[in-house]
Amino acid sequence: MKVILASVLLCAIAAPWWVTHAARSFAQSATPIEWWIDVSRGRAARLAVEDFHAVTDLSVADARVLSEVVRADLEFASLRLIPREQHALVKQDARSPNYYGWESIGADLVVRGTAEVQDGRLVSEIRIDAVKEKQTIFATRYEGGRSPRDLAHRIADDFRVRR
């Protein structure tokens, strides 16, 4: 089984070089890259989906819906998520992840996002951070209509499992 993430394929932490390789390739490439490691050869990465941060007061409810739907969709796709109850053990900051806190509860990757309304459209920026390497390995921006649920499904659809 291969875990694909927004055309960047993520892998087992059993081979930690993947983060450095991906970050370097992503930074040097002007076009989207695609890379992978087969997760059947090691332990599948455990993801934590932080509560999305509302950039403005108008987007507080949208941020809540975005994070809840993304989390539910990824759980439905059978990706290994850190249980929501354990997130309370990690002090979260909208500007940068608490790598030590996430590592203490077993997260390998952290999905962070923002929500804001610009010109009547919902905009969300997503970042994926590698916890042990303490760096962002993927970042992208999504724009949609006014439905946070539709945008959240689009975001989660970029996390696919290939068998």
N, C-alpha and C. Protein backbone atom coordinates (compact mmCIF):
# COMPACT_ATOMS: atom_id res chain seq x y z
N MET A 1 0.85 -1.17 0.00
CA MET A 1 0.00 0.00 0.00
C MET A 1 0.89 1.23 0.00
N LYS A 2 0.54 2.23 -0.77
CA LYS A 2 1.29 3.48 -0.83
C LYS A 2 0.38 4.60 -0.37
N VAL A 3 0.85 5.44 0.49
CA VAL A 3 0.05 6.57 0.96
C VAL A 3 0.46 7.79 0.15
N ILE A 4 -0.50 8.42 -0.49
CA ILE A 4 -0.23 9.57 -1.35
C ILE A 4 -0.77 10.81 -0.67
N LEU A 5 -0.04 11.87 -0.72
CA LEU A 5 -0.48 13.12 -0.10
C LEU A 5 -0.24 14.26 -1.08
N ALA A 6 -1.33 14.77 -1.65
CA ALA A 6 -1.28 15.92 -2.55
C ALA A 6 -0.15 15.80 -3.56
N SER A 7 -0.11 14.67 -4.23
CA SER A 7 0.89 14.29 -5.21
C SER A 7 2.29 14.21 -4.62
N VAL A 8 2.37 14.23 -3.30
CA VAL A 8 3.61 13.93 -2.60
C VAL A 8 3.31 12.71 -1.76
N LEU A 9 4.01 11.63 -1.97
CA LEU A 9 3.69 10.39 -1.28
C LEU A 9 4.50 10.30 0.00
N LEU A 10 3.81 10.01 1.09
CA LEU A 10 4.48 9.94 2.38
C LEU A 10 4.66 8.50 2.80
N CYS A 11 5.58 8.27 3.71
CA CYS A 11 5.98 6.90 3.97
C CYS A 11 6.16 6.61 5.44
N ALA A 12 6.67 5.42 5.68
CA ALA A 12 7.00 4.98 7.02
C ALA A 12 8.20 5.77 7.53
N ILE A 13 8.20 6.05 8.79
CA ILE A 13 9.29 6.78 9.40
C ILE A 13 10.52 5.87 9.55
N ALA A 14 10.37 4.62 9.22
CA ALA A 14 11.49 3.69 9.30
C ALA A 14 12.65 4.14 8.43
N ALA A 15 12.42 4.97 7.43
CA ALA A 15 13.47 5.50 6.57
C ALA A 15 13.42 7.03 6.64
N PRO A 16 14.05 7.66 7.66
CA PRO A 16 13.88 9.09 7.88
C PRO A 16 14.45 9.97 6.78
N TRP A 17 15.25 9.47 5.87
CA TRP A 17 15.81 10.29 4.81
C TRP A 17 14.75 10.83 3.87
N TRP A 18 13.55 10.25 3.89
CA TRP A 18 12.52 10.68 2.95
C TRP A 18 12.14 12.14 3.13
N VAL A 19 12.18 12.63 4.35
CA VAL A 19 11.77 14.02 4.57
C VAL A 19 12.78 14.98 3.96
N THR A 20 14.06 14.74 4.19
CA THR A 20 15.09 15.61 3.64
C THR A 20 15.04 15.58 2.12
N HIS A 21 14.93 14.40 1.56
CA HIS A 21 14.86 14.25 0.11
C HIS A 21 13.65 15.00 -0.45
N ALA A 22 12.51 14.85 0.17
CA ALA A 22 11.28 15.49 -0.32
C ALA A 22 11.37 16.99 -0.20
N ALA A 23 11.83 17.49 0.93
CA ALA A 23 11.89 18.93 1.14
C ALA A 23 12.84 19.57 0.13
N ARG A 24 13.99 18.95 -0.09
CA ARG A 24 14.96 19.47 -1.04
C ARG A 24 14.38 19.45 -2.45
N SER A 25 13.77 18.35 -2.84
CA SER A 25 13.20 18.23 -4.17
C SER A 25 12.07 19.22 -4.36
N PHE A 26 11.23 19.37 -3.34
CA PHE A 26 10.08 20.28 -3.42
C PHE A 26 10.56 21.72 -3.58
N ALA A 27 11.60 22.09 -2.83
CA ALA A 27 12.10 23.46 -2.87
C ALA A 27 12.77 23.77 -4.21
N GLN A 28 13.40 22.78 -4.85
CA GLN A 28 14.12 23.02 -6.08
C GLN A 28 13.25 22.88 -7.32
N SER A 29 12.07 22.32 -7.19
CA SER A 29 11.24 22.02 -8.34
C SER A 29 10.19 23.10 -8.55
N ALA A 30 10.05 23.56 -9.78
CA ALA A 30 9.02 24.53 -10.09
C ALA A 30 7.70 23.85 -10.41
N THR A 31 7.76 22.56 -10.70
CA THR A 31 6.55 21.79 -10.99
C THR A 31 6.30 20.83 -9.84
N PRO A 32 5.05 20.39 -9.68
CA PRO A 32 4.75 19.45 -8.60
C PRO A 32 5.58 18.17 -8.73
N ILE A 33 6.08 17.68 -7.61
CA ILE A 33 6.86 16.46 -7.63
C ILE A 33 6.02 15.31 -7.08
N GLU A 34 6.42 14.14 -7.40
CA GLU A 34 5.76 12.96 -6.85
C GLU A 34 6.84 11.97 -6.45
N TRP A 35 6.80 11.55 -5.21
CA TRP A 35 7.75 10.57 -4.71
C TRP A 35 7.05 9.72 -3.69
N TRP A 36 7.60 8.55 -3.39
CA TRP A 36 6.94 7.65 -2.46
C TRP A 36 7.91 6.63 -1.92
N ILE A 37 7.50 6.05 -0.83
CA ILE A 37 8.14 4.87 -0.26
C ILE A 37 7.01 3.94 0.15
N ASP A 38 7.13 2.70 -0.13
CA ASP A 38 6.10 1.72 0.16
C ASP A 38 5.96 1.55 1.67
N VAL A 39 4.78 1.86 2.22
CA VAL A 39 4.59 1.77 3.67
C VAL A 39 4.44 0.34 4.16
N SER A 40 4.31 -0.62 3.26
CA SER A 40 4.18 -2.00 3.71
C SER A 40 5.49 -2.54 4.25
N ARG A 41 6.60 -1.82 4.01
CA ARG A 41 7.90 -2.28 4.49
C ARG A 41 8.26 -1.71 5.86
N GLY A 42 7.43 -0.90 6.42
CA GLY A 42 7.74 -0.29 7.71
C GLY A 42 6.47 0.14 8.40
N ARG A 43 6.63 0.94 9.41
CA ARG A 43 5.51 1.44 10.18
C ARG A 43 4.92 2.64 9.45
N ALA A 44 3.62 2.62 9.23
CA ALA A 44 2.96 3.73 8.54
C ALA A 44 3.02 4.99 9.40
N ALA A 45 3.18 6.12 8.75
CA ALA A 45 3.26 7.39 9.45
C ALA A 45 1.96 7.69 10.18
N ARG A 46 2.08 8.23 11.39
CA ARG A 46 0.91 8.63 12.17
C ARG A 46 0.71 10.13 12.01
N LEU A 47 -0.49 10.52 11.59
CA LEU A 47 -0.81 11.91 11.32
C LEU A 47 -1.62 12.52 12.45
N ALA A 48 -1.35 13.78 12.71
CA ALA A 48 -2.17 14.58 13.61
C ALA A 48 -2.73 15.72 12.77
N VAL A 49 -4.01 15.96 12.88
CA VAL A 49 -4.65 17.07 12.18
C VAL A 49 -5.01 18.11 13.23
N GLU A 50 -4.25 19.21 13.25
CA GLU A 50 -4.51 20.28 14.20
C GLU A 50 -5.84 20.95 13.88
N ASP A 51 -6.41 21.61 14.88
CA ASP A 51 -7.58 22.46 14.62
C ASP A 51 -7.11 23.59 13.72
N PHE A 52 -7.85 23.85 12.65
CA PHE A 52 -7.48 24.90 11.72
C PHE A 52 -7.63 26.25 12.41
N HIS A 53 -6.77 27.18 12.05
CA HIS A 53 -6.74 28.51 12.65
C HIS A 53 -7.57 29.48 11.80
N ALA A 54 -8.48 30.20 12.44
CA ALA A 54 -9.28 31.22 11.75
C ALA A 54 -8.48 32.51 11.67
N VAL A 55 -8.24 33.00 10.47
CA VAL A 55 -7.46 34.21 10.28
C VAL A 55 -8.27 35.44 10.68
N THR A 56 -9.57 35.41 10.44
CA THR A 56 -10.45 36.52 10.81
C THR A 56 -11.62 35.99 11.63
N ASP A 57 -12.31 36.88 12.30
CA ASP A 57 -13.47 36.47 13.09
C ASP A 57 -14.57 35.87 12.22
N LEU A 58 -14.64 36.28 10.96
CA LEU A 58 -15.66 35.76 10.05
C LEU A 58 -15.42 34.30 9.68
N SER A 59 -14.21 33.80 9.91
CA SER A 59 -13.89 32.45 9.46
C SER A 59 -13.76 31.43 10.60
N VAL A 60 -14.19 31.78 11.82
CA VAL A 60 -14.06 30.86 12.96
C VAL A 60 -14.86 29.58 12.73
N ALA A 61 -16.11 29.70 12.33
CA ALA A 61 -16.93 28.51 12.09
C ALA A 61 -16.40 27.71 10.91
N ASP A 62 -15.91 28.41 9.87
CA ASP A 62 -15.35 27.72 8.71
C ASP A 62 -14.11 26.90 9.10
N ALA A 63 -13.26 27.46 9.95
CA ALA A 63 -12.05 26.75 10.38
C ALA A 63 -12.43 25.48 11.13
N ARG A 64 -13.44 25.57 11.99
CA ARG A 64 -13.88 24.39 12.74
C ARG A 64 -14.39 23.30 11.80
N VAL A 65 -15.22 23.68 10.83
CA VAL A 65 -15.77 22.71 9.88
C VAL A 65 -14.65 22.10 9.04
N LEU A 66 -13.73 22.94 8.56
CA LEU A 66 -12.62 22.43 7.74
C LEU A 66 -11.83 21.36 8.49
N SER A 67 -11.42 21.64 9.71
CA SER A 67 -10.60 20.67 10.45
C SER A 67 -11.39 19.41 10.78
N GLU A 68 -12.66 19.55 11.15
CA GLU A 68 -13.47 18.37 11.48
C GLU A 68 -13.68 17.47 10.26
N VAL A 69 -13.99 18.06 9.12
CA VAL A 69 -14.27 17.26 7.92
C VAL A 69 -12.98 16.64 7.38
N VAL A 70 -11.89 17.39 7.36
CA VAL A 70 -10.62 16.81 6.90
C VAL A 70 -10.24 15.63 7.79
N ARG A 71 -10.35 15.81 9.10
CA ARG A 71 -10.01 14.74 10.05
C ARG A 71 -10.91 13.52 9.82
N ALA A 72 -12.21 13.72 9.66
CA ALA A 72 -13.14 12.61 9.46
C ALA A 72 -12.87 11.89 8.14
N ASP A 73 -12.60 12.65 7.07
CA ASP A 73 -12.31 12.03 5.78
C ASP A 73 -11.03 11.20 5.82
N LEU A 74 -10.01 11.70 6.48
CA LEU A 74 -8.75 10.95 6.57
C LEU A 74 -8.92 9.70 7.41
N GLU A 75 -9.71 9.80 8.46
CA GLU A 75 -10.00 8.63 9.29
C GLU A 75 -10.78 7.60 8.48
N PHE A 76 -11.74 8.06 7.68
CA PHE A 76 -12.51 7.17 6.83
C PHE A 76 -11.62 6.48 5.79
N ALA A 77 -10.56 7.17 5.34
CA ALA A 77 -9.62 6.60 4.37
C ALA A 77 -8.63 5.65 5.02
N SER A 78 -8.79 5.39 6.31
CA SER A 78 -7.96 4.45 7.06
C SER A 78 -6.51 4.89 7.22
N LEU A 79 -6.28 6.22 7.20
CA LEU A 79 -4.94 6.70 7.53
C LEU A 79 -4.80 6.68 9.04
N ARG A 80 -3.59 6.52 9.51
CA ARG A 80 -3.35 6.41 10.95
C ARG A 80 -3.33 7.80 11.58
N LEU A 81 -4.43 8.16 12.24
CA LEU A 81 -4.53 9.47 12.88
C LEU A 81 -4.32 9.36 14.38
N ILE A 82 -3.68 10.37 14.93
CA ILE A 82 -3.57 10.49 16.38
C ILE A 82 -4.97 10.81 16.89
N PRO A 83 -5.48 10.08 17.89
CA PRO A 83 -6.83 10.36 18.40
C PRO A 83 -6.98 11.81 18.85
N ARG A 84 -8.10 12.38 18.54
CA ARG A 84 -8.39 13.79 18.83
C ARG A 84 -8.22 14.12 20.31
N GLU A 85 -8.54 13.18 21.17
CA GLU A 85 -8.45 13.41 22.62
C GLU A 85 -7.00 13.69 23.05
N GLN A 86 -6.03 13.13 22.34
CA GLN A 86 -4.63 13.32 22.70
C GLN A 86 -4.10 14.70 22.31
N HIS A 87 -4.80 15.40 21.43
CA HIS A 87 -4.37 16.73 21.00
C HIS A 87 -4.34 17.70 22.17
N ALA A 88 -5.17 17.48 23.17
CA ALA A 88 -5.22 18.37 24.33
C ALA A 88 -3.89 18.36 25.10
N LEU A 89 -3.09 17.32 24.91
CA LEU A 89 -1.79 17.22 25.58
C LEU A 89 -0.73 18.09 24.92
N VAL A 90 -1.04 18.62 23.75
CA VAL A 90 -0.06 19.41 22.98
C VAL A 90 -0.52 20.86 22.92
N LYS A 91 0.34 21.75 23.39
CA LYS A 91 0.04 23.17 23.29
C LYS A 91 0.22 23.57 21.82
N GLN A 92 -0.87 24.05 21.19
CA GLN A 92 -0.84 24.38 19.77
C GLN A 92 -0.65 25.87 19.56
N ASP A 93 0.10 26.19 18.53
CA ASP A 93 0.36 27.57 18.15
C ASP A 93 0.07 27.70 16.67
N ALA A 94 -0.70 28.71 16.28
CA ALA A 94 -1.10 28.86 14.87
C ALA A 94 0.09 29.17 13.97
N ARG A 95 1.14 29.75 14.52
CA ARG A 95 2.28 30.14 13.68
C ARG A 95 3.28 29.03 13.43
N SER A 96 3.51 28.17 14.40
CA SER A 96 4.47 27.08 14.21
C SER A 96 4.05 25.89 15.07
N PRO A 97 4.34 24.69 14.58
CA PRO A 97 3.92 23.51 15.35
C PRO A 97 4.80 23.29 16.57
N ASN A 98 4.23 22.66 17.56
CA ASN A 98 4.95 22.28 18.77
C ASN A 98 5.53 20.88 18.51
N TYR A 99 6.68 20.82 17.86
CA TYR A 99 7.25 19.54 17.45
C TYR A 99 7.46 18.60 18.63
N TYR A 100 7.94 19.12 19.74
CA TYR A 100 8.21 18.26 20.89
C TYR A 100 6.92 17.68 21.47
N GLY A 101 5.89 18.52 21.52
CA GLY A 101 4.60 18.05 22.01
C GLY A 101 4.01 16.96 21.12
N TRP A 102 4.06 17.19 19.79
CA TRP A 102 3.52 16.19 18.87
C TRP A 102 4.34 14.90 18.92
N GLU A 103 5.64 15.02 19.05
CA GLU A 103 6.47 13.82 19.14
C GLU A 103 6.15 13.03 20.41
N SER A 104 5.84 13.73 21.49
CA SER A 104 5.55 13.06 22.76
C SER A 104 4.29 12.20 22.70
N ILE A 105 3.38 12.50 21.78
CA ILE A 105 2.17 11.66 21.66
C ILE A 105 2.22 10.75 20.44
N GLY A 106 3.39 10.68 19.79
CA GLY A 106 3.58 9.71 18.72
C GLY A 106 3.27 10.16 17.31
N ALA A 107 3.11 11.44 17.08
CA ALA A 107 2.82 11.93 15.72
C ALA A 107 4.10 11.98 14.89
N ASP A 108 4.01 11.51 13.65
CA ASP A 108 5.12 11.62 12.72
C ASP A 108 4.94 12.83 11.81
N LEU A 109 3.70 13.11 11.47
CA LEU A 109 3.36 14.23 10.59
C LEU A 109 2.21 15.03 11.21
N VAL A 110 2.26 16.34 11.03
CA VAL A 110 1.20 17.21 11.53
C VAL A 110 0.63 17.99 10.35
N VAL A 111 -0.68 17.94 10.21
CA VAL A 111 -1.38 18.70 9.18
C VAL A 111 -1.95 19.94 9.86
N ARG A 112 -1.52 21.11 9.38
CA ARG A 112 -2.01 22.37 9.94
C ARG A 112 -2.72 23.15 8.84
N GLY A 113 -3.69 23.96 9.22
CA GLY A 113 -4.40 24.74 8.21
C GLY A 113 -4.95 26.03 8.76
N THR A 114 -5.24 26.92 7.84
CA THR A 114 -5.88 28.19 8.18
C THR A 114 -7.16 28.32 7.36
N ALA A 115 -8.03 29.21 7.79
CA ALA A 115 -9.25 29.51 7.05
C ALA A 115 -9.48 31.00 7.10
N GLU A 116 -9.80 31.56 5.94
CA GLU A 116 -10.18 32.96 5.90
C GLU A 116 -11.07 33.20 4.69
N VAL A 117 -11.85 34.26 4.77
CA VAL A 117 -12.73 34.64 3.67
C VAL A 117 -12.09 35.83 2.97
N GLN A 118 -11.86 35.65 1.65
CA GLN A 118 -11.30 36.73 0.83
C GLN A 118 -12.21 36.95 -0.36
N ASP A 119 -12.71 38.14 -0.50
CA ASP A 119 -13.60 38.49 -1.62
C ASP A 119 -14.78 37.52 -1.73
N GLY A 120 -15.32 37.12 -0.59
CA GLY A 120 -16.49 36.23 -0.58
C GLY A 120 -16.17 34.77 -0.84
N ARG A 121 -14.90 34.43 -0.95
CA ARG A 121 -14.49 33.04 -1.19
C ARG A 121 -13.69 32.54 0.01
N LEU A 122 -13.85 31.27 0.32
CA LEU A 122 -13.11 30.65 1.41
C LEU A 122 -11.73 30.24 0.92
N VAL A 123 -10.70 30.59 1.67
CA VAL A 123 -9.32 30.27 1.33
C VAL A 123 -8.71 29.53 2.51
N SER A 124 -8.00 28.45 2.21
CA SER A 124 -7.34 27.68 3.25
C SER A 124 -5.91 27.35 2.82
N GLU A 125 -4.99 27.58 3.71
CA GLU A 125 -3.59 27.22 3.47
C GLU A 125 -3.28 26.01 4.34
N ILE A 126 -2.72 24.99 3.73
CA ILE A 126 -2.41 23.74 4.42
C ILE A 126 -0.90 23.54 4.45
N ARG A 127 -0.40 23.10 5.59
CA ARG A 127 1.01 22.75 5.74
C ARG A 127 1.10 21.37 6.37
N ILE A 128 2.08 20.63 5.91
CA ILE A 128 2.36 19.33 6.51
C ILE A 128 3.78 19.38 7.04
N ASP A 129 3.91 19.10 8.33
CA ASP A 129 5.21 19.17 8.99
C ASP A 129 5.66 17.78 9.41
N ALA A 130 6.94 17.50 9.19
CA ALA A 130 7.56 16.28 9.69
C ALA A 130 8.05 16.57 11.10
N VAL A 131 7.55 15.81 12.05
CA VAL A 131 7.80 16.11 13.46
C VAL A 131 9.26 15.89 13.84
N LYS A 132 9.81 14.73 13.58
CA LYS A 132 11.19 14.44 14.00
C LYS A 132 12.20 15.34 13.30
N GLU A 133 11.93 15.68 12.05
CA GLU A 133 12.84 16.52 11.29
C GLU A 133 12.61 18.00 11.54
N LYS A 134 11.49 18.33 12.20
CA LYS A 134 11.15 19.70 12.58
C LYS A 134 11.17 20.65 11.39
N GLN A 135 10.46 20.24 10.33
CA GLN A 135 10.38 21.11 9.17
C GLN A 135 9.10 20.86 8.38
N THR A 136 8.68 21.88 7.64
CA THR A 136 7.52 21.76 6.76
C THR A 136 7.97 21.04 5.50
N ILE A 137 7.23 19.99 5.14
CA ILE A 137 7.60 19.25 3.94
C ILE A 137 6.64 19.49 2.79
N PHE A 138 5.51 20.12 3.07
CA PHE A 138 4.55 20.39 2.01
C PHE A 138 3.66 21.55 2.43
N ALA A 139 3.36 22.43 1.49
CA ALA A 139 2.45 23.54 1.76
C ALA A 139 1.72 23.87 0.47
N THR A 140 0.44 24.16 0.59
CA THR A 140 -0.34 24.56 -0.57
C THR A 140 -1.53 25.41 -0.13
N ARG A 141 -2.16 26.03 -1.10
CA ARG A 141 -3.29 26.92 -0.83
C ARG A 141 -4.50 26.43 -1.63
N TYR A 142 -5.64 26.40 -0.97
CA TYR A 142 -6.89 26.00 -1.60
C TYR A 142 -7.85 27.17 -1.59
N GLU A 143 -8.57 27.35 -2.68
CA GLU A 143 -9.61 28.37 -2.75
C GLU A 143 -10.89 27.70 -3.21
N GLY A 144 -12.00 28.14 -2.63
CA GLY A 144 -13.27 27.55 -3.00
C GLY A 144 -14.38 28.57 -2.89
N GLY A 145 -15.60 28.10 -3.01
CA GLY A 145 -16.76 28.97 -2.84
C GLY A 145 -16.91 29.35 -1.38
N ARG A 146 -18.10 29.31 -0.88
CA ARG A 146 -18.32 29.63 0.53
C ARG A 146 -18.59 28.40 1.37
N SER A 147 -18.59 27.23 0.78
CA SER A 147 -18.88 26.02 1.54
C SER A 147 -17.60 25.42 2.13
N PRO A 148 -17.43 25.51 3.46
CA PRO A 148 -16.24 24.92 4.06
C PRO A 148 -16.22 23.39 3.92
N ARG A 149 -17.38 22.79 3.90
CA ARG A 149 -17.46 21.33 3.77
C ARG A 149 -16.92 20.87 2.41
N ASP A 150 -17.32 21.56 1.33
CA ASP A 150 -16.83 21.21 0.00
C ASP A 150 -15.32 21.39 -0.10
N LEU A 151 -14.82 22.50 0.45
CA LEU A 151 -13.38 22.74 0.42
C LEU A 151 -12.63 21.70 1.24
N ALA A 152 -13.17 21.32 2.38
CA ALA A 152 -12.53 20.30 3.22
C ALA A 152 -12.45 18.96 2.50
N HIS A 153 -13.50 18.60 1.79
CA HIS A 153 -13.47 17.34 1.03
C HIS A 153 -12.41 17.41 -0.07
N ARG A 154 -12.25 18.57 -0.71
CA ARG A 154 -11.19 18.72 -1.72
C ARG A 154 -9.82 18.54 -1.10
N ILE A 155 -9.62 19.12 0.07
CA ILE A 155 -8.33 19.00 0.77
C ILE A 155 -8.08 17.53 1.11
N ALA A 156 -9.07 16.89 1.71
CA ALA A 156 -8.90 15.48 2.11
C ALA A 156 -8.75 14.56 0.91
N ASP A 157 -9.34 14.92 -0.23
CA ASP A 157 -9.20 14.08 -1.42
C ASP A 157 -7.76 14.05 -1.91
N ASP A 158 -6.96 15.04 -1.55
CA ASP A 158 -5.55 15.01 -1.92
C ASP A 158 -4.75 14.01 -1.08
N PHE A 159 -5.38 13.48 -0.05
CA PHE A 159 -4.79 12.41 0.74
C PHE A 159 -5.46 11.13 0.24
N ARG A 160 -4.80 10.37 -0.59
CA ARG A 160 -5.41 9.17 -1.14
C ARG A 160 -4.57 7.95 -0.78
N VAL A 161 -5.23 6.80 -0.77
CA VAL A 161 -4.51 5.55 -0.54
C VAL A 161 -4.61 4.72 -1.80
N ARG A 162 -3.47 4.31 -2.32
CA ARG A 162 -3.40 3.43 -3.48
C ARG A 162 -3.05 2.03 -3.01
N ARG A 163 -3.74 1.07 -3.53
CA ARG A 163 -3.44 -0.31 -3.13
C ARG A 163 -2.90 -1.06 -4.31
